[in-house]
Amino acid sequence: MKKICLILLVSAFATTSFSQQLAVVNFLSPTVATPQFLWLVTTYDFGKIKANNPVTHEFRFTNSGNAPLVISSVQASCGCTVTDYSKEPIAPGSEGYVKATYNAAKVGVFSKTVTVNANAEESVVQLTIKGEVVE
């Protein structure tokens, strides 16, 4: 009986020690692959622009993660803004872009957003373009 109790006690101790070692190893060396945006800027001010003169800004970013970054969609907040973006996966350390072209048809101050959806750690990013359309 003493032998069985001793074997059970040693087994429980060994199992507990081994599982704690695994937890420490997993914590210290994460293996989760995550792409990550690193934007140069997320807001761009055109300042004063002439009416009926479309303007474009290209937002640049780097994938600072450790897996390919894929943009699934880019949506403008209104029909007055047209977008374009990097369609191919962006490798870790590589650069990509999101372009926003504003059709300056109305005179006055404007502020428009472009929503970027991707597989990155920050999966939804809002970019902003703003300015003032003058005659």
N, C-alpha and C. Protein backbone atom coordinates (compact mmCIF):
# COMPACT_ATOMS: atom_id res chain seq x y z
N MET A 1 0.83 -1.20 0.00
CA MET A 1 0.00 0.00 0.00
C MET A 1 0.87 1.26 0.00
N LYS A 2 1.96 1.19 0.79
CA LYS A 2 2.85 2.35 0.85
C LYS A 2 3.47 2.61 -0.52
N LYS A 3 3.81 1.53 -1.23
CA LYS A 3 4.43 1.67 -2.54
C LYS A 3 3.48 2.34 -3.53
N ILE A 4 2.22 1.96 -3.50
CA ILE A 4 1.22 2.54 -4.42
C ILE A 4 1.04 4.03 -4.12
N CYS A 5 0.95 4.38 -2.85
CA CYS A 5 0.80 5.80 -2.47
C CYS A 5 2.03 6.60 -2.89
N LEU A 6 3.21 6.02 -2.71
CA LEU A 6 4.44 6.69 -3.10
C LEU A 6 4.50 6.90 -4.62
N ILE A 7 4.11 5.88 -5.39
CA ILE A 7 4.10 5.98 -6.86
C ILE A 7 3.11 7.06 -7.30
N LEU A 8 1.93 7.09 -6.72
CA LEU A 8 0.93 8.11 -7.08
C LEU A 8 1.41 9.51 -6.74
N LEU A 9 2.06 9.66 -5.61
CA LEU A 9 2.58 10.95 -5.19
C LEU A 9 3.68 11.44 -6.14
N VAL A 10 4.59 10.57 -6.50
CA VAL A 10 5.67 10.93 -7.42
C VAL A 10 5.10 11.26 -8.80
N SER A 11 4.12 10.50 -9.27
CA SER A 11 3.49 10.74 -10.57
C SER A 11 2.80 12.10 -10.59
N ALA A 12 2.09 12.43 -9.54
CA ALA A 12 1.39 13.72 -9.47
C ALA A 12 2.40 14.86 -9.46
N PHE A 13 3.47 14.72 -8.72
CA PHE A 13 4.51 15.76 -8.67
C PHE A 13 5.17 15.94 -10.03
N ALA A 14 5.50 14.85 -10.71
CA ALA A 14 6.16 14.91 -12.02
C ALA A 14 5.23 15.55 -13.05
N THR A 15 3.96 15.20 -13.04
CA THR A 15 3.00 15.77 -13.98
C THR A 15 2.85 17.27 -13.77
N THR A 16 2.76 17.70 -12.54
CA THR A 16 2.62 19.12 -12.23
C THR A 16 3.87 19.89 -12.66
N SER A 17 5.04 19.36 -12.38
CA SER A 17 6.29 20.03 -12.76
C SER A 17 6.41 20.13 -14.28
N PHE A 18 6.10 19.07 -14.99
CA PHE A 18 6.21 19.06 -16.45
C PHE A 18 5.25 20.06 -17.09
N SER A 19 4.01 20.13 -16.62
CA SER A 19 3.03 21.05 -17.22
C SER A 19 3.43 22.51 -16.96
N GLN A 20 4.03 22.81 -15.82
CA GLN A 20 4.49 24.17 -15.55
C GLN A 20 5.65 24.53 -16.46
N GLN A 21 6.53 23.60 -16.75
CA GLN A 21 7.64 23.87 -17.66
C GLN A 21 7.13 24.14 -19.06
N LEU A 22 6.14 23.42 -19.52
CA LEU A 22 5.57 23.66 -20.84
C LEU A 22 4.94 25.05 -20.92
N ALA A 23 4.25 25.46 -19.88
CA ALA A 23 3.62 26.78 -19.87
C ALA A 23 4.68 27.87 -19.97
N VAL A 24 5.79 27.71 -19.27
CA VAL A 24 6.86 28.70 -19.32
C VAL A 24 7.47 28.75 -20.71
N VAL A 25 7.72 27.62 -21.32
CA VAL A 25 8.31 27.57 -22.66
C VAL A 25 7.38 28.24 -23.66
N ASN A 26 6.08 27.95 -23.61
CA ASN A 26 5.13 28.56 -24.54
C ASN A 26 5.02 30.06 -24.33
N PHE A 27 5.12 30.53 -23.11
CA PHE A 27 5.03 31.96 -22.84
C PHE A 27 6.26 32.70 -23.35
N LEU A 28 7.41 32.10 -23.21
CA LEU A 28 8.65 32.76 -23.61
C LEU A 28 8.89 32.74 -25.11
N SER A 29 8.36 31.78 -25.83
CA SER A 29 8.59 31.69 -27.27
C SER A 29 7.26 31.55 -28.01
N PRO A 30 6.52 32.63 -28.15
CA PRO A 30 5.22 32.54 -28.82
C PRO A 30 5.41 32.18 -30.30
N THR A 31 4.51 31.34 -30.79
CA THR A 31 4.62 30.90 -32.17
C THR A 31 3.44 31.40 -33.00
N VAL A 32 2.68 32.31 -32.49
CA VAL A 32 1.52 32.82 -33.20
C VAL A 32 1.98 33.80 -34.27
N ALA A 33 1.60 33.52 -35.51
CA ALA A 33 1.97 34.39 -36.63
C ALA A 33 0.92 35.48 -36.77
N THR A 34 1.34 36.74 -36.64
CA THR A 34 0.41 37.85 -36.75
C THR A 34 0.99 38.97 -37.61
N PRO A 35 0.26 39.35 -38.67
CA PRO A 35 0.66 40.54 -39.42
C PRO A 35 0.29 41.78 -38.61
N GLN A 36 0.97 42.89 -38.88
CA GLN A 36 0.70 44.11 -38.12
C GLN A 36 0.97 45.34 -38.98
N PHE A 37 0.01 46.30 -38.97
CA PHE A 37 0.18 47.57 -39.68
C PHE A 37 1.13 48.48 -38.90
N LEU A 38 2.00 49.17 -39.63
CA LEU A 38 2.79 50.26 -39.08
C LEU A 38 2.63 51.40 -40.09
N TRP A 39 1.70 52.34 -39.80
CA TRP A 39 1.36 53.42 -40.72
C TRP A 39 2.32 54.60 -40.54
N LEU A 40 2.68 55.25 -41.65
CA LEU A 40 3.44 56.50 -41.56
C LEU A 40 2.54 57.58 -41.00
N VAL A 41 1.32 57.72 -41.55
CA VAL A 41 0.30 58.63 -41.03
C VAL A 41 -1.06 57.99 -41.26
N THR A 42 -2.05 58.35 -40.44
CA THR A 42 -3.42 57.86 -40.65
C THR A 42 -4.39 59.00 -40.94
N THR A 43 -3.90 60.24 -40.89
CA THR A 43 -4.71 61.42 -41.23
C THR A 43 -3.90 62.29 -42.17
N TYR A 44 -4.56 62.78 -43.24
CA TYR A 44 -3.87 63.66 -44.17
C TYR A 44 -4.74 64.89 -44.43
N ASP A 45 -4.16 66.07 -44.32
CA ASP A 45 -4.86 67.34 -44.55
C ASP A 45 -4.38 67.92 -45.88
N PHE A 46 -5.29 68.01 -46.86
CA PHE A 46 -4.96 68.59 -48.16
C PHE A 46 -4.81 70.11 -48.09
N GLY A 47 -5.33 70.71 -47.04
CA GLY A 47 -5.33 72.17 -46.94
C GLY A 47 -6.41 72.72 -47.87
N LYS A 48 -6.14 73.85 -48.52
CA LYS A 48 -7.11 74.45 -49.44
C LYS A 48 -6.86 73.91 -50.84
N ILE A 49 -7.94 73.41 -51.46
CA ILE A 49 -7.84 72.89 -52.83
C ILE A 49 -8.92 73.55 -53.69
N LYS A 50 -8.67 73.60 -54.99
CA LYS A 50 -9.61 74.23 -55.91
C LYS A 50 -10.79 73.31 -56.20
N ALA A 51 -11.96 73.92 -56.37
CA ALA A 51 -13.17 73.18 -56.69
C ALA A 51 -13.00 72.46 -58.02
N ASN A 52 -13.65 71.30 -58.12
CA ASN A 52 -13.65 70.46 -59.33
C ASN A 52 -12.25 69.99 -59.72
N ASN A 53 -11.36 69.88 -58.74
CA ASN A 53 -10.00 69.41 -58.97
C ASN A 53 -9.75 68.23 -58.02
N PRO A 54 -9.98 66.98 -58.47
CA PRO A 54 -9.78 65.83 -57.58
C PRO A 54 -8.35 65.77 -57.03
N VAL A 55 -8.23 65.35 -55.77
CA VAL A 55 -6.92 65.23 -55.12
C VAL A 55 -6.77 63.81 -54.57
N THR A 56 -5.52 63.33 -54.54
CA THR A 56 -5.23 61.97 -54.10
C THR A 56 -4.12 61.98 -53.06
N HIS A 57 -4.29 61.13 -52.05
CA HIS A 57 -3.21 60.89 -51.10
C HIS A 57 -3.01 59.39 -50.99
N GLU A 58 -1.74 58.98 -50.93
CA GLU A 58 -1.40 57.57 -50.76
C GLU A 58 -0.89 57.35 -49.34
N PHE A 59 -1.66 56.61 -48.56
CA PHE A 59 -1.27 56.24 -47.20
C PHE A 59 -0.35 55.03 -47.32
N ARG A 60 0.88 55.12 -46.77
CA ARG A 60 1.87 54.04 -46.84
C ARG A 60 1.97 53.34 -45.48
N PHE A 61 2.18 52.05 -45.51
CA PHE A 61 2.37 51.28 -44.29
C PHE A 61 3.40 50.18 -44.52
N THR A 62 3.91 49.66 -43.41
CA THR A 62 4.83 48.52 -43.43
C THR A 62 4.19 47.40 -42.62
N ASN A 63 4.35 46.18 -43.08
CA ASN A 63 3.90 45.03 -42.30
C ASN A 63 5.00 44.73 -41.29
N SER A 64 4.81 45.16 -40.05
CA SER A 64 5.81 44.96 -39.01
C SER A 64 5.58 43.66 -38.23
N GLY A 65 4.67 42.84 -38.72
CA GLY A 65 4.41 41.55 -38.06
C GLY A 65 5.30 40.45 -38.59
N ASN A 66 4.91 39.20 -38.31
CA ASN A 66 5.71 38.06 -38.72
C ASN A 66 4.95 37.09 -39.64
N ALA A 67 3.91 37.60 -40.30
CA ALA A 67 3.13 36.81 -41.25
C ALA A 67 2.63 37.74 -42.35
N PRO A 68 2.30 37.20 -43.53
CA PRO A 68 1.80 38.05 -44.62
C PRO A 68 0.52 38.79 -44.22
N LEU A 69 0.45 40.07 -44.58
CA LEU A 69 -0.72 40.90 -44.30
C LEU A 69 -1.58 40.95 -45.55
N VAL A 70 -2.87 40.68 -45.40
CA VAL A 70 -3.79 40.68 -46.53
C VAL A 70 -4.93 41.66 -46.24
N ILE A 71 -5.10 42.65 -47.11
CA ILE A 71 -6.22 43.59 -46.98
C ILE A 71 -7.42 42.95 -47.67
N SER A 72 -8.50 42.77 -46.92
CA SER A 72 -9.69 42.14 -47.49
C SER A 72 -10.64 43.15 -48.13
N SER A 73 -10.69 44.37 -47.59
CA SER A 73 -11.54 45.40 -48.20
C SER A 73 -11.12 46.78 -47.74
N VAL A 74 -11.45 47.77 -48.58
CA VAL A 74 -11.24 49.18 -48.26
C VAL A 74 -12.51 49.90 -48.67
N GLN A 75 -13.13 50.62 -47.73
CA GLN A 75 -14.40 51.28 -48.01
C GLN A 75 -14.32 52.76 -47.65
N ALA A 76 -14.76 53.60 -48.59
CA ALA A 76 -14.82 55.04 -48.35
C ALA A 76 -16.14 55.38 -47.67
N SER A 77 -16.16 56.49 -46.93
CA SER A 77 -17.35 56.88 -46.19
C SER A 77 -18.44 57.48 -47.08
N CYS A 78 -18.07 57.86 -48.32
CA CYS A 78 -19.09 58.41 -49.23
C CYS A 78 -18.68 58.15 -50.67
N GLY A 79 -19.59 58.42 -51.60
CA GLY A 79 -19.33 58.21 -53.02
C GLY A 79 -18.39 59.24 -53.62
N CYS A 80 -18.06 60.28 -52.88
CA CYS A 80 -17.16 61.32 -53.38
C CYS A 80 -15.69 60.93 -53.24
N THR A 81 -15.43 59.77 -52.64
CA THR A 81 -14.06 59.31 -52.43
C THR A 81 -13.89 57.93 -53.08
N VAL A 82 -12.85 57.81 -53.89
CA VAL A 82 -12.53 56.55 -54.55
C VAL A 82 -11.25 56.00 -53.94
N THR A 83 -11.19 54.68 -53.77
CA THR A 83 -10.02 54.07 -53.12
C THR A 83 -9.33 53.05 -54.03
N ASP A 84 -8.07 52.81 -53.71
CA ASP A 84 -7.27 51.77 -54.33
C ASP A 84 -6.32 51.29 -53.24
N TYR A 85 -5.85 50.04 -53.34
CA TYR A 85 -4.98 49.52 -52.29
C TYR A 85 -4.16 48.34 -52.79
N SER A 86 -3.18 47.94 -52.01
CA SER A 86 -2.34 46.78 -52.32
C SER A 86 -3.21 45.53 -52.29
N LYS A 87 -3.32 44.87 -53.42
CA LYS A 87 -4.20 43.68 -53.51
C LYS A 87 -3.46 42.39 -53.16
N GLU A 88 -2.15 42.34 -53.36
CA GLU A 88 -1.37 41.15 -53.08
C GLU A 88 -1.00 41.10 -51.59
N PRO A 89 -0.77 39.91 -51.03
CA PRO A 89 -0.32 39.83 -49.63
C PRO A 89 1.01 40.58 -49.45
N ILE A 90 1.13 41.30 -48.35
CA ILE A 90 2.33 42.08 -48.05
C ILE A 90 3.17 41.26 -47.07
N ALA A 91 4.36 40.87 -47.50
CA ALA A 91 5.24 40.04 -46.68
C ALA A 91 5.74 40.82 -45.47
N PRO A 92 6.13 40.13 -44.40
CA PRO A 92 6.70 40.83 -43.24
C PRO A 92 7.88 41.70 -43.66
N GLY A 93 7.88 42.95 -43.20
CA GLY A 93 8.94 43.89 -43.53
C GLY A 93 8.72 44.65 -44.84
N SER A 94 7.72 44.25 -45.62
CA SER A 94 7.43 44.91 -46.90
C SER A 94 6.41 46.03 -46.72
N GLU A 95 6.32 46.89 -47.74
CA GLU A 95 5.39 48.03 -47.70
C GLU A 95 4.18 47.81 -48.58
N GLY A 96 3.11 48.49 -48.22
CA GLY A 96 1.89 48.50 -49.00
C GLY A 96 1.29 49.89 -48.97
N TYR A 97 0.13 50.06 -49.62
CA TYR A 97 -0.48 51.38 -49.70
C TYR A 97 -2.00 51.29 -49.72
N VAL A 98 -2.63 52.40 -49.37
CA VAL A 98 -4.06 52.63 -49.56
C VAL A 98 -4.17 54.04 -50.12
N LYS A 99 -4.77 54.18 -51.32
CA LYS A 99 -4.94 55.49 -51.94
C LYS A 99 -6.38 55.95 -51.75
N ALA A 100 -6.52 57.25 -51.50
CA ALA A 100 -7.85 57.86 -51.39
C ALA A 100 -7.88 59.07 -52.32
N THR A 101 -8.83 59.10 -53.25
CA THR A 101 -8.99 60.22 -54.17
C THR A 101 -10.32 60.88 -53.86
N TYR A 102 -10.26 62.16 -53.53
CA TYR A 102 -11.46 62.94 -53.20
C TYR A 102 -11.86 63.81 -54.38
N ASN A 103 -13.13 63.72 -54.78
CA ASN A 103 -13.67 64.53 -55.86
C ASN A 103 -14.18 65.84 -55.25
N ALA A 104 -13.43 66.90 -55.42
CA ALA A 104 -13.72 68.18 -54.77
C ALA A 104 -14.80 68.96 -55.52
N ALA A 105 -16.03 68.43 -55.54
CA ALA A 105 -17.11 69.07 -56.28
C ALA A 105 -17.84 70.14 -55.47
N LYS A 106 -17.89 70.00 -54.15
CA LYS A 106 -18.61 70.95 -53.30
C LYS A 106 -17.65 71.88 -52.58
N VAL A 107 -17.96 73.15 -52.58
CA VAL A 107 -17.15 74.13 -51.87
C VAL A 107 -17.43 74.01 -50.37
N GLY A 108 -16.37 74.06 -49.57
CA GLY A 108 -16.50 73.98 -48.12
C GLY A 108 -15.51 73.02 -47.51
N VAL A 109 -15.57 72.91 -46.19
CA VAL A 109 -14.67 72.04 -45.43
C VAL A 109 -15.17 70.60 -45.54
N PHE A 110 -14.24 69.66 -45.67
CA PHE A 110 -14.62 68.25 -45.72
C PHE A 110 -13.70 67.41 -44.83
N SER A 111 -14.23 66.30 -44.37
CA SER A 111 -13.47 65.30 -43.63
C SER A 111 -14.10 63.96 -43.95
N LYS A 112 -13.35 63.09 -44.60
CA LYS A 112 -13.85 61.79 -45.04
C LYS A 112 -12.98 60.68 -44.47
N THR A 113 -13.59 59.53 -44.24
CA THR A 113 -12.83 58.39 -43.71
C THR A 113 -12.77 57.26 -44.73
N VAL A 114 -11.73 56.48 -44.62
CA VAL A 114 -11.54 55.27 -45.41
C VAL A 114 -11.28 54.15 -44.40
N THR A 115 -12.11 53.11 -44.45
CA THR A 115 -12.00 52.00 -43.51
C THR A 115 -11.28 50.84 -44.18
N VAL A 116 -10.21 50.38 -43.54
CA VAL A 116 -9.39 49.29 -44.07
C VAL A 116 -9.62 48.05 -43.20
N ASN A 117 -10.00 46.95 -43.83
CA ASN A 117 -10.19 45.67 -43.13
C ASN A 117 -9.10 44.71 -43.58
N ALA A 118 -8.42 44.08 -42.62
CA ALA A 118 -7.31 43.19 -42.95
C ALA A 118 -7.18 42.09 -41.90
N ASN A 119 -6.27 41.17 -42.16
CA ASN A 119 -6.02 40.08 -41.21
C ASN A 119 -4.98 40.46 -40.16
N ALA A 120 -4.73 41.74 -39.98
CA ALA A 120 -3.70 42.22 -39.06
C ALA A 120 -4.17 42.17 -37.61
N GLU A 121 -3.22 42.38 -36.70
CA GLU A 121 -3.54 42.43 -35.28
C GLU A 121 -4.62 43.48 -35.02
N GLU A 122 -4.48 44.65 -35.61
CA GLU A 122 -5.53 45.68 -35.59
C GLU A 122 -6.30 45.50 -36.89
N SER A 123 -7.38 44.71 -36.86
CA SER A 123 -8.03 44.26 -38.09
C SER A 123 -8.81 45.36 -38.83
N VAL A 124 -9.24 46.40 -38.14
CA VAL A 124 -9.96 47.51 -38.77
C VAL A 124 -9.23 48.81 -38.45
N VAL A 125 -8.87 49.55 -39.50
CA VAL A 125 -8.17 50.82 -39.34
C VAL A 125 -8.93 51.90 -40.09
N GLN A 126 -9.09 53.06 -39.48
CA GLN A 126 -9.73 54.19 -40.16
C GLN A 126 -8.69 55.23 -40.53
N LEU A 127 -8.65 55.56 -41.81
CA LEU A 127 -7.79 56.62 -42.32
C LEU A 127 -8.66 57.82 -42.59
N THR A 128 -8.12 59.03 -42.45
CA THR A 128 -8.91 60.25 -42.63
C THR A 128 -8.21 61.19 -43.61
N ILE A 129 -9.03 61.74 -44.53
CA ILE A 129 -8.56 62.83 -45.40
C ILE A 129 -9.45 64.02 -45.11
N LYS A 130 -8.85 65.20 -45.12
CA LYS A 130 -9.63 66.40 -44.84
C LYS A 130 -9.02 67.59 -45.58
N GLY A 131 -9.76 68.67 -45.58
CA GLY A 131 -9.30 69.88 -46.25
C GLY A 131 -10.45 70.85 -46.45
N GLU A 132 -10.21 71.85 -47.32
CA GLU A 132 -11.23 72.83 -47.63
C GLU A 132 -11.22 73.08 -49.13
N VAL A 133 -12.40 72.93 -49.74
CA VAL A 133 -12.55 73.19 -51.17
C VAL A 133 -12.94 74.66 -51.34
N VAL A 134 -12.19 75.38 -52.17
CA VAL A 134 -12.44 76.81 -52.42
C VAL A 134 -12.66 77.03 -53.91
N GLU A 135 -13.30 78.15 -54.24
CA GLU A 135 -13.54 78.50 -55.65
C GLU A 135 -12.26 78.85 -56.36
